[in-house]
Structure formats: structure tokens, C-alpha cells
Amino acid sequence: MMGDMDEFWVFGYGSLMWNPGFPYEVRMQAKAFGYRRSLCVRSWVHRGTEQRPGLVLGLDRGGSCRGVAFKVAPGDWQETVDYLRARELVTHVYQERSVPVVLDDGRAVRALTYVIDRSHRQYAGAVTVDEAAAVVSGAVGQSGANQDYVANTIAHLQDMGIRDHWLEQVASEIARLNAAGG
């Protein structure tokens, strides 16, 4: 299935990092290669509406991404995959992939994660800091304000000692827009 047949890892780059929702044996920081964390998914429900979409995180091609890898016990594999599919594949904007990650202890493993489907209509493409900030600052959905989602993500990343400079720039620009707009 993934790497060693006796090991199953899941890679989280967004809310899965602090709210996995499934049982695990080991939680360790890790880096995924070939993908980067990006506000590249148009949110029509949780952080926006179809009329005024917000932006939420996806894993997009290119670069690398620091996140968290979870090792799942063999007895929990199927239940975990079923749970993740129900959570992540709601609108099929994400695709399930096995990606190479390097754990903080230096081991290279393959991990299950969810990457953006670039052909999906919710894919926002490569947005600039200014574009992302403009979208996020005005969007609100069922789960609340889009800018709270971004601030919350950055706070959790910082708690874990993970710097995401692009996301931090977006947050700074949102703060500037809020200050300018009153």
C-alpha cells in the first residue's frame, strides 16, 4: 500500500495537522516534496459562498511543504482512509495521492495526502498575495470568516514552529486592508 507494507502514514498540511480526527501511533513533523501549501481552493460553503467565494488551503504542485505525518496502526488503516475520504473528497476538488515525505528523524516514507485537482472548477490557480488577501478579507461562509481561517492556520503553524512566509504575507495584507477599510 504505502512504502513498507507494515507502515501507513498520513500527511497533513492544513487542519489535519492540529485536528486529525483519526487515531494514530506516531505524530511527527515532516516535509513533502513536489507540492506546496497554497490558498488555491475556492470555498463555496465553509469560508465563502458561490457568489463570494473564499479561499482555503490545498496542496498544489511545485516546491515543498512542511507539515505533520501521522503513523496509523494497521488495525485502523481502513477506518482512517474511509474517514479521510468522507472529510476531504466531498466536492472532489482534492485527489488522494501517495507522496514522498521526509520525517523529522530523517526517514523517507510515502504518505497518503490530498492534493488539488487542477481541472476542478474550485481550483483558483496560482493567486498572488494581493489577490488572495482581497478575496479572503471579504468572504464569509458557514464555518465563519475566511480571514479567521487564515489567521487560525498561521497561529497553529507558528505553535508548531512552522513558518509559511507566503501565508504570513497574505495575513499581513489582510490586516492592512482591514486597517485601510476601517
N, C-alpha and C. Protein backbone atom coordinates (compact mmCIF):
# COMPACT_ATOMS: atom_id res chain seq x y z
N MET A 1 0.84 -1.20 0.00
CA MET A 1 0.00 0.00 0.00
C MET A 1 0.88 1.26 0.00
N MET A 2 1.57 1.53 1.11
CA MET A 2 2.46 2.70 1.16
C MET A 2 3.81 2.24 1.69
N GLY A 3 4.88 2.52 0.98
CA GLY A 3 6.23 2.22 1.46
C GLY A 3 6.30 0.81 2.02
N ASP A 4 6.76 0.69 3.26
CA ASP A 4 6.73 -0.61 3.93
C ASP A 4 5.29 -1.03 4.09
N MET A 5 5.01 -2.28 3.79
CA MET A 5 3.63 -2.75 3.90
C MET A 5 3.13 -2.71 5.34
N ASP A 6 4.05 -2.63 6.29
CA ASP A 6 3.63 -2.61 7.68
C ASP A 6 3.48 -1.20 8.24
N GLU A 7 3.68 -0.20 7.38
CA GLU A 7 3.54 1.18 7.84
C GLU A 7 2.58 1.95 6.95
N PHE A 8 1.73 2.72 7.58
CA PHE A 8 0.79 3.58 6.86
C PHE A 8 0.85 4.97 7.47
N TRP A 9 1.25 5.95 6.64
CA TRP A 9 1.39 7.33 7.09
C TRP A 9 0.39 8.23 6.38
N VAL A 10 -0.07 9.24 7.07
CA VAL A 10 -0.95 10.27 6.50
C VAL A 10 -0.24 11.61 6.68
N PHE A 11 -0.20 12.42 5.61
CA PHE A 11 0.45 13.74 5.69
C PHE A 11 -0.62 14.82 5.75
N GLY A 12 -0.52 15.68 6.77
CA GLY A 12 -1.44 16.81 6.92
C GLY A 12 -0.71 18.12 6.70
N TYR A 13 -1.33 19.04 5.97
CA TYR A 13 -0.71 20.34 5.69
C TYR A 13 -1.59 21.51 6.11
N GLY A 14 -2.86 21.20 6.47
CA GLY A 14 -3.81 22.22 6.92
C GLY A 14 -4.40 21.77 8.24
N SER A 15 -5.72 21.80 8.34
CA SER A 15 -6.37 21.49 9.62
C SER A 15 -6.10 20.08 10.13
N LEU A 16 -5.76 19.16 9.23
CA LEU A 16 -5.41 17.81 9.68
C LEU A 16 -4.25 17.83 10.66
N MET A 17 -3.35 18.84 10.55
CA MET A 17 -2.18 18.89 11.42
C MET A 17 -2.56 19.00 12.89
N TRP A 18 -3.58 19.82 13.18
CA TRP A 18 -3.97 20.00 14.58
C TRP A 18 -5.31 19.36 14.93
N ASN A 19 -6.01 18.88 13.91
CA ASN A 19 -7.31 18.23 14.14
C ASN A 19 -7.43 17.03 13.23
N PRO A 20 -6.59 15.99 13.47
CA PRO A 20 -6.60 14.85 12.53
C PRO A 20 -7.93 14.10 12.51
N GLY A 21 -8.53 13.88 13.67
CA GLY A 21 -9.83 13.19 13.69
C GLY A 21 -9.75 11.68 13.55
N PHE A 22 -8.55 11.13 13.57
CA PHE A 22 -8.39 9.67 13.50
C PHE A 22 -7.30 9.26 14.48
N PRO A 23 -7.32 8.00 14.93
CA PRO A 23 -6.30 7.54 15.87
C PRO A 23 -4.96 7.32 15.17
N TYR A 24 -3.86 7.63 15.86
CA TYR A 24 -2.53 7.42 15.29
C TYR A 24 -1.56 7.00 16.39
N GLU A 25 -0.48 6.35 15.97
CA GLU A 25 0.55 5.87 16.90
C GLU A 25 1.68 6.87 17.05
N VAL A 26 2.02 7.53 15.95
CA VAL A 26 3.14 8.48 15.95
C VAL A 26 2.70 9.74 15.22
N ARG A 27 3.10 10.90 15.75
CA ARG A 27 2.85 12.18 15.09
C ARG A 27 4.20 12.87 15.01
N MET A 28 4.62 13.22 13.81
CA MET A 28 5.94 13.78 13.63
C MET A 28 5.93 14.82 12.51
N GLN A 29 6.68 15.90 12.68
CA GLN A 29 6.77 16.86 11.59
C GLN A 29 7.48 16.21 10.41
N ALA A 30 7.10 16.64 9.22
CA ALA A 30 7.64 16.04 8.01
C ALA A 30 7.58 17.06 6.88
N LYS A 31 8.31 16.77 5.83
CA LYS A 31 8.31 17.65 4.67
C LYS A 31 7.93 16.84 3.44
N ALA A 32 6.93 17.34 2.71
CA ALA A 32 6.53 16.70 1.45
C ALA A 32 7.22 17.43 0.31
N PHE A 33 7.66 16.67 -0.66
CA PHE A 33 8.37 17.26 -1.80
C PHE A 33 7.51 17.19 -3.06
N GLY A 34 7.62 18.25 -3.88
CA GLY A 34 6.87 18.30 -5.13
C GLY A 34 5.53 19.01 -5.00
N TYR A 35 5.20 19.41 -3.77
CA TYR A 35 3.93 20.10 -3.52
C TYR A 35 4.15 21.22 -2.52
N ARG A 36 3.30 22.24 -2.59
CA ARG A 36 3.37 23.35 -1.64
C ARG A 36 1.98 23.67 -1.11
N ARG A 37 1.94 24.21 0.11
CA ARG A 37 0.69 24.65 0.72
C ARG A 37 0.27 25.93 0.02
N SER A 38 -1.00 26.03 -0.36
CA SER A 38 -1.44 27.21 -1.10
C SER A 38 -2.93 27.47 -0.87
N LEU A 39 -3.29 28.74 -0.81
CA LEU A 39 -4.72 29.10 -0.76
C LEU A 39 -5.24 29.03 -2.19
N CYS A 40 -5.50 27.83 -2.66
CA CYS A 40 -5.81 27.67 -4.08
C CYS A 40 -7.17 27.01 -4.32
N VAL A 41 -7.95 26.84 -3.24
CA VAL A 41 -9.25 26.19 -3.36
C VAL A 41 -10.35 27.20 -3.07
N ARG A 42 -11.25 27.40 -4.03
CA ARG A 42 -12.39 28.30 -3.80
C ARG A 42 -13.38 27.62 -2.86
N SER A 43 -13.66 28.29 -1.75
CA SER A 43 -14.60 27.74 -0.77
C SER A 43 -15.97 28.36 -0.96
N TRP A 44 -16.96 27.50 -1.26
CA TRP A 44 -18.32 27.97 -1.51
C TRP A 44 -19.25 27.70 -0.33
N VAL A 45 -18.76 26.95 0.65
CA VAL A 45 -19.62 26.57 1.77
C VAL A 45 -19.04 27.05 3.09
N HIS A 46 -17.90 26.49 3.48
CA HIS A 46 -17.36 26.75 4.81
C HIS A 46 -16.81 28.15 5.00
N ARG A 47 -16.13 28.70 4.00
CA ARG A 47 -15.49 30.02 4.17
C ARG A 47 -15.87 31.00 3.07
N GLY A 48 -17.00 30.75 2.44
CA GLY A 48 -17.47 31.65 1.39
C GLY A 48 -18.77 31.13 0.82
N THR A 49 -19.24 31.81 -0.23
CA THR A 49 -20.45 31.37 -0.93
C THR A 49 -20.11 31.31 -2.42
N GLU A 50 -21.01 30.75 -3.23
CA GLU A 50 -20.73 30.72 -4.67
C GLU A 50 -20.65 32.12 -5.23
N GLN A 51 -21.45 33.05 -4.65
CA GLN A 51 -21.43 34.44 -5.11
C GLN A 51 -20.15 35.14 -4.67
N ARG A 52 -19.68 34.80 -3.48
CA ARG A 52 -18.49 35.46 -2.91
C ARG A 52 -17.60 34.38 -2.30
N PRO A 53 -16.91 33.62 -3.17
CA PRO A 53 -16.11 32.50 -2.66
C PRO A 53 -14.94 32.97 -1.79
N GLY A 54 -14.61 32.12 -0.82
CA GLY A 54 -13.40 32.35 -0.04
C GLY A 54 -12.30 31.48 -0.62
N LEU A 55 -11.17 31.44 0.07
CA LEU A 55 -10.05 30.59 -0.35
C LEU A 55 -9.60 29.75 0.84
N VAL A 56 -9.43 28.45 0.60
CA VAL A 56 -8.91 27.56 1.63
C VAL A 56 -7.70 26.81 1.08
N LEU A 57 -7.00 26.13 1.97
CA LEU A 57 -5.75 25.51 1.59
C LEU A 57 -5.90 24.25 0.75
N GLY A 58 -4.98 24.12 -0.18
CA GLY A 58 -4.81 22.89 -0.92
C GLY A 58 -3.32 22.63 -1.03
N LEU A 59 -2.99 21.45 -1.48
CA LEU A 59 -1.60 21.13 -1.76
C LEU A 59 -1.47 21.19 -3.27
N ASP A 60 -0.68 22.17 -3.76
CA ASP A 60 -0.56 22.37 -5.20
C ASP A 60 0.84 21.97 -5.65
N ARG A 61 0.95 21.67 -6.93
CA ARG A 61 2.23 21.20 -7.49
C ARG A 61 3.34 22.23 -7.35
N GLY A 62 4.54 21.74 -7.09
CA GLY A 62 5.72 22.60 -7.09
C GLY A 62 6.20 22.93 -5.69
N GLY A 63 7.51 22.91 -5.50
CA GLY A 63 8.08 23.29 -4.21
C GLY A 63 8.02 22.18 -3.19
N SER A 64 7.96 22.57 -1.93
CA SER A 64 7.87 21.59 -0.84
C SER A 64 6.99 22.17 0.25
N CYS A 65 6.58 21.32 1.16
CA CYS A 65 5.64 21.74 2.19
C CYS A 65 5.96 21.07 3.52
N ARG A 66 6.12 21.89 4.55
CA ARG A 66 6.33 21.37 5.88
C ARG A 66 4.97 21.13 6.53
N GLY A 67 4.78 19.95 7.08
CA GLY A 67 3.52 19.63 7.72
C GLY A 67 3.73 18.56 8.78
N VAL A 68 2.71 17.74 8.99
CA VAL A 68 2.77 16.71 10.02
C VAL A 68 2.40 15.36 9.42
N ALA A 69 3.19 14.34 9.76
CA ALA A 69 2.90 12.98 9.32
C ALA A 69 2.40 12.18 10.52
N PHE A 70 1.36 11.40 10.29
CA PHE A 70 0.77 10.55 11.32
C PHE A 70 0.94 9.10 10.91
N LYS A 71 1.48 8.27 11.80
CA LYS A 71 1.57 6.84 11.53
C LYS A 71 0.35 6.17 12.15
N VAL A 72 -0.38 5.44 11.32
CA VAL A 72 -1.63 4.81 11.73
C VAL A 72 -1.41 3.31 11.93
N ALA A 73 -1.94 2.78 13.03
CA ALA A 73 -1.80 1.36 13.34
C ALA A 73 -2.54 0.52 12.28
N PRO A 74 -1.99 -0.65 11.94
CA PRO A 74 -2.60 -1.49 10.90
C PRO A 74 -4.10 -1.74 11.10
N GLY A 75 -4.52 -1.94 12.33
CA GLY A 75 -5.94 -2.20 12.59
C GLY A 75 -6.85 -1.01 12.29
N ASP A 76 -6.26 0.17 12.15
CA ASP A 76 -7.05 1.40 11.92
C ASP A 76 -6.96 1.91 10.49
N TRP A 77 -6.22 1.21 9.61
CA TRP A 77 -5.99 1.71 8.25
C TRP A 77 -7.29 1.99 7.52
N GLN A 78 -8.15 0.99 7.39
CA GLN A 78 -9.35 1.13 6.57
C GLN A 78 -10.28 2.21 7.11
N GLU A 79 -10.48 2.20 8.43
CA GLU A 79 -11.34 3.19 9.05
C GLU A 79 -10.81 4.61 8.83
N THR A 80 -9.48 4.75 8.91
CA THR A 80 -8.85 6.06 8.70
C THR A 80 -9.04 6.53 7.27
N VAL A 81 -8.80 5.65 6.31
CA VAL A 81 -8.98 6.01 4.90
C VAL A 81 -10.44 6.39 4.62
N ASP A 82 -11.37 5.61 5.16
CA ASP A 82 -12.80 5.92 4.97
C ASP A 82 -13.13 7.29 5.55
N TYR A 83 -12.61 7.56 6.74
CA TYR A 83 -12.85 8.85 7.41
C TYR A 83 -12.28 10.00 6.58
N LEU A 84 -11.03 9.85 6.13
CA LEU A 84 -10.39 10.91 5.35
C LEU A 84 -11.11 11.15 4.03
N ARG A 85 -11.57 10.08 3.38
CA ARG A 85 -12.30 10.26 2.12
C ARG A 85 -13.59 11.02 2.36
N ALA A 86 -14.28 10.71 3.44
CA ALA A 86 -15.54 11.41 3.75
C ALA A 86 -15.26 12.89 4.04
N ARG A 87 -14.12 13.16 4.67
CA ARG A 87 -13.77 14.53 5.07
C ARG A 87 -13.23 15.35 3.91
N GLU A 88 -12.37 14.74 3.10
CA GLU A 88 -11.62 15.50 2.10
C GLU A 88 -12.20 15.44 0.68
N LEU A 89 -12.97 14.43 0.37
CA LEU A 89 -13.39 14.24 -1.02
C LEU A 89 -14.85 14.66 -1.27
N VAL A 90 -15.34 15.56 -0.42
CA VAL A 90 -16.75 15.99 -0.51
C VAL A 90 -17.10 16.51 -1.91
N THR A 91 -16.35 17.48 -2.40
CA THR A 91 -16.65 18.04 -3.73
C THR A 91 -15.66 17.57 -4.79
N HIS A 92 -14.80 16.65 -4.43
CA HIS A 92 -13.80 16.10 -5.35
C HIS A 92 -12.85 17.15 -5.91
N VAL A 93 -12.64 18.23 -5.15
CA VAL A 93 -11.65 19.22 -5.55
C VAL A 93 -10.25 18.70 -5.19
N TYR A 94 -10.21 17.73 -4.28
CA TYR A 94 -8.94 17.10 -3.90
C TYR A 94 -8.84 15.71 -4.52
N GLN A 95 -7.60 15.28 -4.75
CA GLN A 95 -7.33 13.93 -5.23
C GLN A 95 -6.45 13.23 -4.20
N GLU A 96 -6.78 11.98 -3.93
CA GLU A 96 -5.99 11.20 -2.99
C GLU A 96 -4.69 10.78 -3.66
N ARG A 97 -3.57 11.01 -2.98
CA ARG A 97 -2.27 10.67 -3.54
C ARG A 97 -1.37 10.08 -2.46
N SER A 98 -0.44 9.26 -2.91
CA SER A 98 0.64 8.79 -2.04
C SER A 98 1.86 9.60 -2.44
N VAL A 99 2.41 10.38 -1.51
CA VAL A 99 3.53 11.27 -1.85
C VAL A 99 4.75 10.97 -0.97
N PRO A 100 5.94 11.24 -1.50
CA PRO A 100 7.14 11.03 -0.69
C PRO A 100 7.29 12.14 0.35
N VAL A 101 7.53 11.75 1.59
CA VAL A 101 7.80 12.72 2.64
C VAL A 101 9.04 12.30 3.41
N VAL A 102 9.74 13.29 3.96
CA VAL A 102 10.88 13.01 4.82
C VAL A 102 10.48 13.40 6.23
N LEU A 103 10.53 12.43 7.14
CA LEU A 103 10.18 12.66 8.54
C LEU A 103 11.30 13.42 9.23
N ASP A 104 10.96 14.06 10.35
CA ASP A 104 11.96 14.82 11.08
C ASP A 104 13.11 13.97 11.59
N ASP A 105 12.91 12.65 11.69
CA ASP A 105 14.03 11.79 12.13
C ASP A 105 14.88 11.33 10.94
N GLY A 106 14.58 11.88 9.74
CA GLY A 106 15.40 11.60 8.57
C GLY A 106 14.90 10.48 7.69
N ARG A 107 13.91 9.70 8.16
CA ARG A 107 13.40 8.60 7.34
C ARG A 107 12.55 9.12 6.19
N ALA A 108 12.67 8.46 5.05
CA ALA A 108 11.83 8.79 3.90
C ALA A 108 10.72 7.74 3.83
N VAL A 109 9.47 8.21 3.80
CA VAL A 109 8.32 7.30 3.70
C VAL A 109 7.35 7.86 2.66
N ARG A 110 6.37 7.05 2.31
CA ARG A 110 5.29 7.55 1.47
C ARG A 110 4.10 7.78 2.38
N ALA A 111 3.36 8.86 2.10
CA ALA A 111 2.22 9.19 2.95
C ALA A 111 1.01 9.52 2.09
N LEU A 112 -0.15 9.15 2.61
CA LEU A 112 -1.41 9.48 1.95
C LEU A 112 -1.71 10.94 2.21
N THR A 113 -2.07 11.68 1.18
CA THR A 113 -2.47 13.07 1.38
C THR A 113 -3.45 13.45 0.28
N TYR A 114 -3.92 14.68 0.34
CA TYR A 114 -4.94 15.15 -0.61
C TYR A 114 -4.43 16.39 -1.31
N VAL A 115 -4.27 16.26 -2.64
CA VAL A 115 -3.74 17.36 -3.44
C VAL A 115 -4.86 17.93 -4.31
N ILE A 116 -4.65 19.16 -4.73
CA ILE A 116 -5.67 19.85 -5.51
C ILE A 116 -5.80 19.23 -6.90
N ASP A 117 -7.02 19.13 -7.38
CA ASP A 117 -7.28 18.73 -8.76
C ASP A 117 -7.32 20.00 -9.59
N ARG A 118 -6.28 20.23 -10.38
CA ARG A 118 -6.18 21.49 -11.12
C ARG A 118 -7.28 21.66 -12.18
N SER A 119 -7.96 20.57 -12.54
CA SER A 119 -9.01 20.70 -13.56
C SER A 119 -10.38 20.98 -12.93
N HIS A 120 -10.45 20.98 -11.61
CA HIS A 120 -11.73 21.20 -10.91
C HIS A 120 -12.09 22.68 -10.93
N ARG A 121 -13.40 23.00 -11.01
CA ARG A 121 -13.77 24.41 -11.10
C ARG A 121 -13.55 25.19 -9.81
N GLN A 122 -13.29 24.48 -8.70
CA GLN A 122 -12.97 25.19 -7.46
C GLN A 122 -11.49 25.54 -7.35
N TYR A 123 -10.68 25.08 -8.32
CA TYR A 123 -9.25 25.41 -8.29
C TYR A 123 -9.08 26.88 -8.69
N ALA A 124 -8.45 27.64 -7.81
CA ALA A 124 -8.31 29.09 -8.06
C ALA A 124 -7.05 29.42 -8.85
N GLY A 125 -6.17 28.45 -9.03
CA GLY A 125 -4.94 28.73 -9.75
C GLY A 125 -3.92 29.39 -8.82
N ALA A 126 -2.84 29.83 -9.42
CA ALA A 126 -1.79 30.48 -8.63
C ALA A 126 -2.22 31.92 -8.36
N VAL A 127 -2.61 32.19 -7.13
CA VAL A 127 -3.03 33.56 -6.78
C VAL A 127 -1.87 34.29 -6.13
N THR A 128 -1.81 35.60 -6.38
CA THR A 128 -0.77 36.41 -5.75
C THR A 128 -1.20 36.71 -4.31
N VAL A 129 -0.27 37.22 -3.53
CA VAL A 129 -0.56 37.64 -2.15
C VAL A 129 -1.70 38.65 -2.15
N ASP A 130 -1.63 39.65 -3.03
CA ASP A 130 -2.66 40.70 -3.07
C ASP A 130 -4.03 40.14 -3.46
N GLU A 131 -4.05 39.26 -4.45
CA GLU A 131 -5.31 38.65 -4.88
C GLU A 131 -5.91 37.82 -3.75
N ALA A 132 -5.08 37.01 -3.12
CA ALA A 132 -5.56 36.15 -2.03
C ALA A 132 -6.13 36.99 -0.90
N ALA A 133 -5.42 38.04 -0.51
CA ALA A 133 -5.86 38.90 0.59
C ALA A 133 -7.19 39.57 0.26
N ALA A 134 -7.34 40.03 -0.98
CA ALA A 134 -8.57 40.70 -1.39
C ALA A 134 -9.77 39.75 -1.33
N VAL A 135 -9.56 38.51 -1.75
CA VAL A 135 -10.63 37.51 -1.72
C VAL A 135 -10.98 37.15 -0.27
N VAL A 136 -9.95 36.81 0.49
CA VAL A 136 -10.13 36.32 1.86
C VAL A 136 -10.78 37.36 2.76
N SER A 137 -10.37 38.62 2.61
CA SER A 137 -10.83 39.65 3.55
C SER A 137 -12.34 39.88 3.50
N GLY A 138 -12.99 39.54 2.39
CA GLY A 138 -14.42 39.79 2.30
C GLY A 138 -15.32 38.57 2.35
N ALA A 139 -14.72 37.38 2.47
CA ALA A 139 -15.52 36.16 2.35
C ALA A 139 -15.93 35.59 3.71
N VAL A 140 -17.19 35.16 3.79
CA VAL A 140 -17.71 34.52 5.00
C VAL A 140 -18.57 33.33 4.57
N GLY A 141 -18.43 32.21 5.27
CA GLY A 141 -19.22 31.02 4.96
C GLY A 141 -19.81 30.43 6.21
N GLN A 142 -20.33 29.21 6.08
CA GLN A 142 -21.00 28.54 7.20
C GLN A 142 -20.08 28.34 8.40
N SER A 143 -18.78 28.18 8.16
CA SER A 143 -17.84 27.96 9.27
C SER A 143 -17.21 29.25 9.77
N GLY A 144 -17.66 30.38 9.19
CA GLY A 144 -17.14 31.67 9.67
C GLY A 144 -16.38 32.44 8.63
N ALA A 145 -15.71 33.50 9.11
CA ALA A 145 -14.97 34.41 8.23
C ALA A 145 -13.72 33.73 7.68
N ASN A 146 -13.49 33.96 6.40
CA ASN A 146 -12.32 33.39 5.73
C ASN A 146 -11.02 33.87 6.37
N GLN A 147 -10.98 35.16 6.78
CA GLN A 147 -9.74 35.67 7.37
C GLN A 147 -9.44 35.00 8.71
N ASP A 148 -10.47 34.54 9.43
CA ASP A 148 -10.24 33.81 10.69
C ASP A 148 -9.59 32.46 10.40
N TYR A 149 -10.00 31.84 9.30
CA TYR A 149 -9.41 30.57 8.87
C TYR A 149 -7.91 30.74 8.61
N VAL A 150 -7.56 31.82 7.91
CA VAL A 150 -6.15 32.07 7.59
C VAL A 150 -5.36 32.36 8.87
N ALA A 151 -5.92 33.22 9.74
CA ALA A 151 -5.23 33.57 11.00
C ALA A 151 -5.05 32.34 11.89
N ASN A 152 -6.07 31.52 11.96
CA ASN A 152 -6.05 30.30 12.76
C ASN A 152 -4.98 29.34 12.23
N THR A 153 -4.92 29.20 10.91
CA THR A 153 -3.92 28.33 10.28
C THR A 153 -2.51 28.80 10.63
N ILE A 154 -2.26 30.10 10.50
CA ILE A 154 -0.93 30.64 10.80
C ILE A 154 -0.59 30.45 12.27
N ALA A 155 -1.55 30.68 13.16
CA ALA A 155 -1.31 30.51 14.60
C ALA A 155 -0.90 29.07 14.91
N HIS A 156 -1.61 28.11 14.32
CA HIS A 156 -1.28 26.71 14.54
C HIS A 156 0.10 26.36 13.97
N LEU A 157 0.40 26.88 12.78
CA LEU A 157 1.71 26.63 12.18
C LEU A 157 2.81 27.18 13.07
N GLN A 158 2.61 28.40 13.58
CA GLN A 158 3.63 29.02 14.43
C GLN A 158 3.80 28.25 15.74
N ASP A 159 2.68 27.75 16.30
CA ASP A 159 2.75 26.91 17.51
C ASP A 159 3.66 25.70 17.28
N MET A 160 3.63 25.19 16.04
CA MET A 160 4.42 24.01 15.70
C MET A 160 5.82 24.38 15.21
N GLY A 161 6.11 25.68 15.18
CA GLY A 161 7.43 26.11 14.71
C GLY A 161 7.58 26.05 13.21
N ILE A 162 6.45 26.08 12.49
CA ILE A 162 6.49 26.04 11.02
C ILE A 162 6.22 27.43 10.47
N ARG A 163 7.14 27.92 9.66
CA ARG A 163 6.95 29.22 9.02
C ARG A 163 6.42 29.00 7.60
N ASP A 164 5.35 29.71 7.26
CA ASP A 164 4.85 29.70 5.89
C ASP A 164 4.83 31.15 5.45
N HIS A 165 5.92 31.59 4.81
CA HIS A 165 6.10 33.01 4.52
C HIS A 165 5.01 33.57 3.61
N TRP A 166 4.60 32.78 2.62
CA TRP A 166 3.56 33.26 1.69
C TRP A 166 2.26 33.51 2.44
N LEU A 167 1.86 32.56 3.27
CA LEU A 167 0.61 32.70 4.03
C LEU A 167 0.71 33.87 5.01
N GLU A 168 1.87 34.05 5.62
CA GLU A 168 2.07 35.18 6.54
C GLU A 168 1.96 36.51 5.80
N GLN A 169 2.45 36.56 4.56
CA GLN A 169 2.33 37.79 3.75
C GLN A 169 0.86 38.08 3.44
N VAL A 170 0.09 37.02 3.15
CA VAL A 170 -1.34 37.19 2.89
C VAL A 170 -2.02 37.78 4.13
N ALA A 171 -1.70 37.24 5.30
CA ALA A 171 -2.30 37.73 6.55
C ALA A 171 -1.94 39.20 6.80
N SER A 172 -0.71 39.57 6.52
CA SER A 172 -0.27 40.97 6.70
C SER A 172 -1.05 41.89 5.79
N GLU A 173 -1.27 41.45 4.55
CA GLU A 173 -2.01 42.26 3.58
C GLU A 173 -3.48 42.37 3.98
N ILE A 174 -4.05 41.29 4.54
CA ILE A 174 -5.44 41.34 5.04
C ILE A 174 -5.53 42.37 6.16
N ALA A 175 -4.57 42.35 7.06
CA ALA A 175 -4.55 43.32 8.18
C ALA A 175 -4.47 44.75 7.65
N ARG A 176 -3.65 44.94 6.60
CA ARG A 176 -3.51 46.27 6.00
C ARG A 176 -4.83 46.71 5.37
N LEU A 177 -5.48 45.81 4.65
CA LEU A 177 -6.77 46.11 4.02
C LEU A 177 -7.82 46.44 5.09
N ASN A 178 -7.84 45.68 6.16
CA ASN A 178 -8.81 45.92 7.25
C ASN A 178 -8.58 47.29 7.87
N ALA A 179 -7.31 47.65 8.08
CA ALA A 179 -6.97 48.93 8.68
C ALA A 179 -7.35 50.08 7.74
N ALA A 180 -7.11 49.88 6.45
CA ALA A 180 -7.43 50.91 5.47
C ALA A 180 -8.94 51.08 5.31
N GLY A 181 -9.65 49.95 5.37
CA GLY A 181 -11.09 49.98 5.17
C GLY A 181 -11.86 50.43 6.40
N GLY A 182 -11.21 50.37 7.56
CA GLY A 182 -11.87 50.79 8.80
C GLY A 182 -12.72 49.69 9.32
